[in-house]
Amino acid sequence: MSKSKIKKSVIFPLVMLAWLAAMAWIGRDNLAQGKYLRYFGIIGVSLIIILLLYLSLRKKEQLQQRREEEQYGPYEEDEEDKNSKDKN
């Protein structure tokens, strides 16, 4: 019964990358005017921020999952996977 659910740590950075692509397209006039440092600097800083957002959301989800496992125990699927690994 494992439903593939797309996590927030993936959705938000993908939306932000799409937004960055749109803004890079709109700001291409800076590139045409020869303002290379400004154009690529903004894109670079934005990519770093998106990466940090992804890492922080992933860490938050991992901590939340760990807390849930400590409180309620591991999920049945995790126990089945662990048992199949132990048999091998």
PDB file of N, CA and C in Angstrom:
ATOM      1  N   MET A   1       0.800  -1.190   0.000  1.00  0.00           N
ATOM      2  CA  MET A   1       0.000   0.000   0.000  1.00  0.00           C
ATOM      3  C   MET A   1       0.850   1.264   0.000  1.00  0.00           C
ATOM      4  N   SER A   2       1.995   1.189  -0.555  1.00  0.00           N
ATOM      5  CA  SER A   2       2.845   2.379  -0.542  1.00  0.00           C
ATOM      6  C   SER A   2       2.455   3.290  -1.695  1.00  0.00           C
ATOM      7  N   LYS A   3       1.923   4.426  -1.357  1.00  0.00           N
ATOM      8  CA  LYS A   3       1.570   5.427  -2.350  1.00  0.00           C
ATOM      9  C   LYS A   3       2.755   6.376  -2.504  1.00  0.00           C
ATOM     10  N   SER A   4       3.119   6.600  -3.723  1.00  0.00           N
ATOM     11  CA  SER A   4       4.229   7.505  -3.989  1.00  0.00           C
ATOM     12  C   SER A   4       3.744   8.938  -3.814  1.00  0.00           C
ATOM     13  N   LYS A   5       4.236   9.581  -2.778  1.00  0.00           N
ATOM     14  CA  LYS A   5       3.840  10.954  -2.485  1.00  0.00           C
ATOM     15  C   LYS A   5       5.048  11.859  -2.712  1.00  0.00           C
ATOM     16  N   ILE A   6       4.833  12.898  -3.481  1.00  0.00           N
ATOM     17  CA  ILE A   6       5.916  13.841  -3.728  1.00  0.00           C
ATOM     18  C   ILE A   6       6.050  14.727  -2.493  1.00  0.00           C
ATOM     19  N   LYS A   7       7.236  14.816  -1.976  1.00  0.00           N
ATOM     20  CA  LYS A   7       7.472  15.542  -0.734  1.00  0.00           C
ATOM     21  C   LYS A   7       7.638  17.039  -0.986  1.00  0.00           C
ATOM     22  N   LYS A   8       7.397  17.808   0.087  1.00  0.00           N
ATOM     23  CA  LYS A   8       7.560  19.260   0.008  1.00  0.00           C
ATOM     24  C   LYS A   8       8.998  19.629  -0.318  1.00  0.00           C
ATOM     25  N   SER A   9       9.940  18.803   0.141  1.00  0.00           N
ATOM     26  CA  SER A   9      11.346  19.118  -0.101  1.00  0.00           C
ATOM     27  C   SER A   9      11.710  19.023  -1.581  1.00  0.00           C
ATOM     28  N   VAL A  10      10.837  18.440  -2.379  1.00  0.00           N
ATOM     29  CA  VAL A  10      11.070  18.357  -3.819  1.00  0.00           C
ATOM     30  C   VAL A  10      10.210  19.382  -4.556  1.00  0.00           C
ATOM     31  N   ILE A  11       8.958  19.518  -4.131  1.00  0.00           N
ATOM     32  CA  ILE A  11       8.021  20.398  -4.841  1.00  0.00           C
ATOM     33  C   ILE A  11       8.466  21.856  -4.793  1.00  0.00           C
ATOM     34  N   PHE A  12       8.740  22.385  -3.597  1.00  0.00           N
ATOM     35  CA  PHE A  12       9.076  23.801  -3.471  1.00  0.00           C
ATOM     36  C   PHE A  12      10.334  24.182  -4.253  1.00  0.00           C
ATOM     37  N   PRO A  13      11.431  23.423  -4.148  1.00  0.00           N
ATOM     38  CA  PRO A  13      12.591  23.799  -4.955  1.00  0.00           C
ATOM     39  C   PRO A  13      12.329  23.722  -6.465  1.00  0.00           C
ATOM     40  N   LEU A  14      11.500  22.770  -6.913  1.00  0.00           N
ATOM     41  CA  LEU A  14      11.184  22.700  -8.342  1.00  0.00           C
ATOM     42  C   LEU A  14      10.373  23.915  -8.785  1.00  0.00           C
ATOM     43  N   VAL A  15       9.439  24.344  -7.949  1.00  0.00           N
ATOM     44  CA  VAL A  15       8.674  25.548  -8.267  1.00  0.00           C
ATOM     45  C   VAL A  15       9.603  26.758  -8.304  1.00  0.00           C
ATOM     46  N   MET A  16      10.523  26.815  -7.353  1.00  0.00           N
ATOM     47  CA  MET A  16      11.463  27.938  -7.320  1.00  0.00           C
ATOM     48  C   MET A  16      12.398  27.917  -8.535  1.00  0.00           C
ATOM     49  N   LEU A  17      12.803  26.721  -8.985  1.00  0.00           N
ATOM     50  CA  LEU A  17      13.636  26.635 -10.195  1.00  0.00           C
ATOM     51  C   LEU A  17      12.870  27.104 -11.424  1.00  0.00           C
ATOM     52  N   ALA A  18      11.592  26.745 -11.513  1.00  0.00           N
ATOM     53  CA  ALA A  18      10.773  27.214 -12.631  1.00  0.00           C
ATOM     54  C   ALA A  18      10.638  28.738 -12.589  1.00  0.00           C
ATOM     55  N   TRP A  19      10.446  29.260 -11.385  1.00  0.00           N
ATOM     56  CA  TRP A  19      10.356  30.725 -11.222  1.00  0.00           C
ATOM     57  C   TRP A  19      11.674  31.386 -11.628  1.00  0.00           C
ATOM     58  N   LEU A  20      12.780  30.803 -11.218  1.00  0.00           N
ATOM     59  CA  LEU A  20      14.093  31.347 -11.573  1.00  0.00           C
ATOM     60  C   LEU A  20      14.296  31.322 -13.085  1.00  0.00           C
ATOM     61  N   ALA A  21      13.860  30.250 -13.735  1.00  0.00           N
ATOM     62  CA  ALA A  21      13.988  30.170 -15.192  1.00  0.00           C
ATOM     63  C   ALA A  21      13.169  31.276 -15.865  1.00  0.00           C
ATOM     64  N   ALA A  22      11.974  31.507 -15.355  1.00  0.00           N
ATOM     65  CA  ALA A  22      11.136  32.578 -15.917  1.00  0.00           C
ATOM     66  C   ALA A  22      11.788  33.943 -15.693  1.00  0.00           C
ATOM     67  N   MET A  23      12.329  34.161 -14.518  1.00  0.00           N
ATOM     68  CA  MET A  23      12.969  35.448 -14.221  1.00  0.00           C
ATOM     69  C   MET A  23      14.255  35.622 -15.038  1.00  0.00           C
ATOM     70  N   ALA A  24      14.966  34.522 -15.276  1.00  0.00           N
ATOM     71  CA  ALA A  24      16.175  34.607 -16.107  1.00  0.00           C
ATOM     72  C   ALA A  24      15.794  34.967 -17.540  1.00  0.00           C
ATOM     73  N   TRP A  25      14.673  34.429 -18.022  1.00  0.00           N
ATOM     74  CA  TRP A  25      14.208  34.764 -19.364  1.00  0.00           C
ATOM     75  C   TRP A  25      13.810  36.241 -19.452  1.00  0.00           C
ATOM     76  N   ILE A  26      13.089  36.704 -18.430  1.00  0.00           N
ATOM     77  CA  ILE A  26      12.666  38.104 -18.419  1.00  0.00           C
ATOM     78  C   ILE A  26      13.874  39.033 -18.306  1.00  0.00           C
ATOM     79  N   GLY A  27      14.886  38.640 -17.534  1.00  0.00           N
ATOM     80  CA  GLY A  27      16.051  39.490 -17.304  1.00  0.00           C
ATOM     81  C   GLY A  27      17.152  39.333 -18.323  1.00  0.00           C
ATOM     82  N   ARG A  28      16.875  38.670 -19.423  1.00  0.00           N
ATOM     83  CA  ARG A  28      17.930  38.453 -20.426  1.00  0.00           C
ATOM     84  C   ARG A  28      18.392  39.751 -21.074  1.00  0.00           C
ATOM     85  N   ASP A  29      17.632  40.830 -20.870  1.00  0.00           N
ATOM     86  CA  ASP A  29      18.079  42.135 -21.382  1.00  0.00           C
ATOM     87  C   ASP A  29      19.385  42.556 -20.719  1.00  0.00           C
ATOM     88  N   ASN A  30      19.548  42.221 -19.432  1.00  0.00           N
ATOM     89  CA  ASN A  30      20.814  42.523 -18.749  1.00  0.00           C
ATOM     90  C   ASN A  30      21.974  41.803 -19.428  1.00  0.00           C
ATOM     91  N   LEU A  31      21.723  40.593 -19.869  1.00  0.00           N
ATOM     92  CA  LEU A  31      22.759  39.819 -20.554  1.00  0.00           C
ATOM     93  C   LEU A  31      23.087  40.466 -21.900  1.00  0.00           C
ATOM     94  N   ALA A  32      22.054  40.912 -22.604  1.00  0.00           N
ATOM     95  CA  ALA A  32      22.262  41.556 -23.904  1.00  0.00           C
ATOM     96  C   ALA A  32      23.006  42.880 -23.760  1.00  0.00           C
ATOM     97  N   GLN A  33      22.824  43.559 -22.615  1.00  0.00           N
ATOM     98  CA  GLN A  33      23.495  44.835 -22.386  1.00  0.00           C
ATOM     99  C   GLN A  33      24.929  44.647 -21.894  1.00  0.00           C
ATOM    100  N   GLY A  34      25.345  43.426 -21.693  1.00  0.00           N
ATOM    101  CA  GLY A  34      26.710  43.155 -21.265  1.00  0.00           C
ATOM    102  C   GLY A  34      26.894  43.120 -19.768  1.00  0.00           C
ATOM    103  N   LYS A  35      25.842  43.071 -19.007  1.00  0.00           N
ATOM    104  CA  LYS A  35      25.920  43.006 -17.543  1.00  0.00           C
ATOM    105  C   LYS A  35      25.971  41.535 -17.104  1.00  0.00           C
ATOM    106  N   TYR A  36      27.062  40.885 -17.508  1.00  0.00           N
ATOM    107  CA  TYR A  36      27.202  39.448 -17.257  1.00  0.00           C
ATOM    108  C   TYR A  36      27.273  39.119 -15.774  1.00  0.00           C
ATOM    109  N   LEU A  37      28.063  39.881 -15.047  1.00  0.00           N
ATOM    110  CA  LEU A  37      28.243  39.606 -13.618  1.00  0.00           C
ATOM    111  C   LEU A  37      26.925  39.722 -12.872  1.00  0.00           C
ATOM    112  N   ARG A  38      26.160  40.750 -13.168  1.00  0.00           N
ATOM    113  CA  ARG A  38      24.872  40.930 -12.487  1.00  0.00           C
ATOM    114  C   ARG A  38      23.909  39.794 -12.843  1.00  0.00           C
ATOM    115  N   TYR A  39      23.816  39.461 -14.123  1.00  0.00           N
ATOM    116  CA  TYR A  39      22.887  38.428 -14.590  1.00  0.00           C
ATOM    117  C   TYR A  39      23.220  37.076 -13.980  1.00  0.00           C
ATOM    118  N   PHE A  40      24.463  36.643 -14.166  1.00  0.00           N
ATOM    119  CA  PHE A  40      24.845  35.321 -13.661  1.00  0.00           C
ATOM    120  C   PHE A  40      25.022  35.314 -12.143  1.00  0.00           C
ATOM    121  N   GLY A  41      25.347  36.448 -11.559  1.00  0.00           N
ATOM    122  CA  GLY A  41      25.453  36.535 -10.099  1.00  0.00           C
ATOM    123  C   GLY A  41      24.116  36.307  -9.424  1.00  0.00           C
ATOM    124  N   ILE A  42      23.090  36.943  -9.961  1.00  0.00           N
ATOM    125  CA  ILE A  42      21.750  36.767  -9.402  1.00  0.00           C
ATOM    126  C   ILE A  42      21.292  35.321  -9.563  1.00  0.00           C
ATOM    127  N   ILE A  43      21.548  34.746 -10.728  1.00  0.00           N
ATOM    128  CA  ILE A  43      21.170  33.345 -10.953  1.00  0.00           C
ATOM    129  C   ILE A  43      21.942  32.431 -10.009  1.00  0.00           C
ATOM    130  N   GLY A  44      23.224  32.676  -9.827  1.00  0.00           N
ATOM    131  CA  GLY A  44      24.036  31.845  -8.938  1.00  0.00           C
ATOM    132  C   GLY A  44      23.586  31.917  -7.487  1.00  0.00           C
ATOM    133  N   VAL A  45      23.338  33.119  -7.006  1.00  0.00           N
ATOM    134  CA  VAL A  45      22.869  33.291  -5.628  1.00  0.00           C
ATOM    135  C   VAL A  45      21.507  32.620  -5.455  1.00  0.00           C
ATOM    136  N   SER A  46      20.642  32.762  -6.444  1.00  0.00           N
ATOM    137  CA  SER A  46      19.323  32.123  -6.370  1.00  0.00           C
ATOM    138  C   SER A  46      19.441  30.602  -6.330  1.00  0.00           C
ATOM    139  N   LEU A  47      20.343  30.040  -7.117  1.00  0.00           N
ATOM    140  CA  LEU A  47      20.543  28.592  -7.101  1.00  0.00           C
ATOM    141  C   LEU A  47      21.062  28.107  -5.751  1.00  0.00           C
ATOM    142  N   ILE A  48      21.939  28.876  -5.140  1.00  0.00           N
ATOM    143  CA  ILE A  48      22.449  28.514  -3.815  1.00  0.00           C
ATOM    144  C   ILE A  48      21.315  28.549  -2.789  1.00  0.00           C
ATOM    145  N   ILE A  49      20.472  29.562  -2.862  1.00  0.00           N
ATOM    146  CA  ILE A  49      19.340  29.664  -1.934  1.00  0.00           C
ATOM    147  C   ILE A  49      18.371  28.506  -2.134  1.00  0.00           C
ATOM    148  N   ILE A  50      18.108  28.135  -3.384  1.00  0.00           N
ATOM    149  CA  ILE A  50      17.216  27.006  -3.665  1.00  0.00           C
ATOM    150  C   ILE A  50      17.819  25.705  -3.134  1.00  0.00           C
ATOM    151  N   LEU A  51      19.118  25.527  -3.280  1.00  0.00           N
ATOM    152  CA  LEU A  51      19.783  24.334  -2.748  1.00  0.00           C
ATOM    153  C   LEU A  51      19.678  24.283  -1.227  1.00  0.00           C
ATOM    154  N   LEU A  52      19.905  25.416  -0.577  1.00  0.00           N
ATOM    155  CA  LEU A  52      19.782  25.462   0.883  1.00  0.00           C
ATOM    156  C   LEU A  52      18.345  25.197   1.329  1.00  0.00           C
ATOM    157  N   LEU A  53      17.382  25.692   0.589  1.00  0.00           N
ATOM    158  CA  LEU A  53      15.976  25.417   0.877  1.00  0.00           C
ATOM    159  C   LEU A  53      15.700  23.923   0.785  1.00  0.00           C
ATOM    160  N   TYR A  54      16.188  23.294  -0.274  1.00  0.00           N
ATOM    161  CA  TYR A  54      15.996  21.853  -0.443  1.00  0.00           C
ATOM    162  C   TYR A  54      16.611  21.072   0.714  1.00  0.00           C
ATOM    163  N   LEU A  55      17.835  21.406   1.070  1.00  0.00           N
ATOM    164  CA  LEU A  55      18.517  20.675   2.145  1.00  0.00           C
ATOM    165  C   LEU A  55      17.819  20.867   3.484  1.00  0.00           C
ATOM    166  N   SER A  56      17.364  22.080   3.762  1.00  0.00           N
ATOM    167  CA  SER A  56      16.705  22.319   5.044  1.00  0.00           C
ATOM    168  C   SER A  56      15.343  21.625   5.104  1.00  0.00           C
ATOM    169  N   LEU A  57      14.582  21.634   4.018  1.00  0.00           N
ATOM    170  CA  LEU A  57      13.292  20.938   4.012  1.00  0.00           C
ATOM    171  C   LEU A  57      13.468  19.427   4.127  1.00  0.00           C
ATOM    172  N   ARG A  58      14.488  18.899   3.462  1.00  0.00           N
ATOM    173  CA  ARG A  58      14.757  17.456   3.548  1.00  0.00           C
ATOM    174  C   ARG A  58      15.144  17.063   4.965  1.00  0.00           C
ATOM    175  N   LYS A  59      15.976  17.868   5.597  1.00  0.00           N
ATOM    176  CA  LYS A  59      16.384  17.601   6.981  1.00  0.00           C
ATOM    177  C   LYS A  59      15.181  17.654   7.914  1.00  0.00           C
ATOM    178  N   LYS A  60      14.309  18.649   7.708  1.00  0.00           N
ATOM    179  CA  LYS A  60      13.110  18.783   8.529  1.00  0.00           C
ATOM    180  C   LYS A  60      12.206  17.561   8.376  1.00  0.00           C
ATOM    181  N   GLU A  61      12.034  17.078   7.145  1.00  0.00           N
ATOM    182  CA  GLU A  61      11.209  15.895   6.923  1.00  0.00           C
ATOM    183  C   GLU A  61      11.817  14.653   7.564  1.00  0.00           C
ATOM    184  N   GLN A  62      13.131  14.524   7.503  1.00  0.00           N
ATOM    185  CA  GLN A  62      13.794  13.384   8.130  1.00  0.00           C
ATOM    186  C   GLN A  62      13.629  13.422   9.643  1.00  0.00           C
ATOM    187  N   LEU A  63      13.771  14.592  10.247  1.00  0.00           N
ATOM    188  CA  LEU A  63      13.583  14.716  11.689  1.00  0.00           C
ATOM    189  C   LEU A  63      12.146  14.408  12.089  1.00  0.00           C
ATOM    190  N   GLN A  64      11.199  14.873  11.289  1.00  0.00           N
ATOM    191  CA  GLN A  64       9.792  14.609  11.574  1.00  0.00           C
ATOM    192  C   GLN A  64       9.497  13.113  11.471  1.00  0.00           C
ATOM    193  N   GLN A  65      10.044  12.449  10.462  1.00  0.00           N
ATOM    194  CA  GLN A  65       9.840  11.006  10.316  1.00  0.00           C
ATOM    195  C   GLN A  65      10.476  10.256  11.485  1.00  0.00           C
ATOM    196  N   ARG A  66      11.656  10.684  11.907  1.00  0.00           N
ATOM    197  CA  ARG A  66      12.335  10.034  13.028  1.00  0.00           C
ATOM    198  C   ARG A  66      11.516  10.189  14.314  1.00  0.00           C
ATOM    199  N   ARG A  67      10.953  11.394  14.533  1.00  0.00           N
ATOM    200  CA  ARG A  67      10.110  11.609  15.717  1.00  0.00           C
ATOM    201  C   ARG A  67       8.856  10.743  15.682  1.00  0.00           C
ATOM    202  N   GLU A  68       8.247  10.621  14.524  1.00  0.00           N
ATOM    203  CA  GLU A  68       7.059   9.781  14.394  1.00  0.00           C
ATOM    204  C   GLU A  68       7.393   8.317  14.660  1.00  0.00           C
ATOM    205  N   GLU A  69       8.543   7.857  14.171  1.00  0.00           N
ATOM    206  CA  GLU A  69       8.944   6.473  14.408  1.00  0.00           C
ATOM    207  C   GLU A  69       9.223   6.225  15.885  1.00  0.00           C
ATOM    208  N   GLU A  70       9.833   7.196  16.549  1.00  0.00           N
ATOM    209  CA  GLU A  70      10.092   7.040  17.980  1.00  0.00           C
ATOM    210  C   GLU A  70       8.796   7.020  18.777  1.00  0.00           C
ATOM    211  N   GLN A  71       7.828   7.804  18.346  1.00  0.00           N
ATOM    212  CA  GLN A  71       6.573   7.893  19.078  1.00  0.00           C
ATOM    213  C   GLN A  71       5.656   6.711  18.766  1.00  0.00           C
ATOM    214  N   TYR A  72       5.535   6.328  17.496  1.00  0.00           N
ATOM    215  CA  TYR A  72       4.578   5.309  17.096  1.00  0.00           C
ATOM    216  C   TYR A  72       5.220   3.996  16.671  1.00  0.00           C
ATOM    217  N   GLY A  73       6.525   3.941  16.557  1.00  0.00           N
ATOM    218  CA  GLY A  73       7.211   2.752  16.071  1.00  0.00           C
ATOM    219  C   GLY A  73       7.366   2.823  14.564  1.00  0.00           C
ATOM    220  N   PRO A  74       8.179   1.949  14.005  1.00  0.00           N
ATOM    221  CA  PRO A  74       8.404   1.983  12.551  1.00  0.00           C
ATOM    222  C   PRO A  74       7.157   1.544  11.797  1.00  0.00           C
ATOM    223  N   TYR A  75       7.076   1.957  10.549  1.00  0.00           N
ATOM    224  CA  TYR A  75       5.964   1.563   9.696  1.00  0.00           C
ATOM    225  C   TYR A  75       6.082   0.082   9.362  1.00  0.00           C
ATOM    226  N   GLU A  76       4.975  -0.551   9.012  1.00  0.00           N
ATOM    227  CA  GLU A  76       4.974  -1.975   8.701  1.00  0.00           C
ATOM    228  C   GLU A  76       5.885  -2.281   7.526  1.00  0.00           C
ATOM    229  N   GLU A  77       5.908  -1.413   6.519  1.00  0.00           N
ATOM    230  CA  GLU A  77       6.752  -1.629   5.356  1.00  0.00           C
ATOM    231  C   GLU A  77       8.221  -1.627   5.747  1.00  0.00           C
ATOM    232  N   ASP A  78       8.604  -0.765   6.664  1.00  0.00           N
ATOM    233  CA  ASP A  78       9.988  -0.712   7.117  1.00  0.00           C
ATOM    234  C   ASP A  78      10.361  -2.000   7.831  1.00  0.00           C
ATOM    235  N   GLU A  79       9.459  -2.533   8.640  1.00  0.00           N
ATOM    236  CA  GLU A  79       9.735  -3.777   9.347  1.00  0.00           C
ATOM    237  C   GLU A  79       9.873  -4.929   8.373  1.00  0.00           C
ATOM    238  N   GLU A  80       9.027  -4.980   7.322  1.00  0.00           N
ATOM    239  CA  GLU A  80       9.112  -6.033   6.316  1.00  0.00           C
ATOM    240  C   GLU A  80      10.441  -5.949   5.577  1.00  0.00           C
ATOM    241  N   ASP A  81      10.862  -4.750   5.219  1.00  0.00           N
ATOM    242  CA  ASP A  81      12.139  -4.575   4.541  1.00  0.00           C
ATOM    243  C   ASP A  81      13.289  -5.024   5.432  1.00  0.00           C
ATOM    244  N   LYS A  82      13.217  -4.685   6.726  1.00  0.00           N
ATOM    245  CA  LYS A  82      14.270  -5.049   7.664  1.00  0.00           C
ATOM    246  C   LYS A  82      14.318  -6.571   7.827  1.00  0.00           C
ATOM    247  N   ASN A  83      13.168  -7.218   7.912  1.00  0.00           N
ATOM    248  CA  ASN A  83      13.106  -8.666   8.057  1.00  0.00           C
ATOM    249  C   ASN A  83      13.639  -9.380   6.817  1.00  0.00           C
ATOM    250  N   SER A  84      13.346  -8.869   5.644  1.00  0.00           N
ATOM    251  CA  SER A  84      13.846  -9.495   4.411  1.00  0.00           C
ATOM    252  C   SER A  84      15.357  -9.315   4.301  1.00  0.00           C
ATOM    253  N   LYS A  85      15.909  -8.197   4.791  1.00  0.00           N
ATOM    254  CA  LYS A  85      17.356  -8.005   4.778  1.00  0.00           C
ATOM    255  C   LYS A  85      18.048  -8.922   5.781  1.00  0.00           C
ATOM    256  N   ASP A  86      17.401  -9.129   6.919  1.00  0.00           N
ATOM    257  CA  ASP A  86      17.984 -10.005   7.943  1.00  0.00           C
ATOM    258  C   ASP A  86      18.062 -11.439   7.471  1.00  0.00           C
ATOM    259  N   LYS A  87      17.110 -11.893   6.658  1.00  0.00           N
ATOM    260  CA  LYS A  87      17.091 -13.267   6.176  1.00  0.00           C
ATOM    261  C   LYS A  87      18.198 -13.523   5.161  1.00  0.00           C
ATOM    262  N   ASN A  88      18.596 -12.486   4.431  1.00  0.00           N
ATOM    263  CA  ASN A  88      19.623 -12.637   3.400  1.00  0.00           C
ATOM    264  C   ASN A  88      20.938 -12.645   4.039  1.00  0.00           C
TER     265      ASN A  88
END
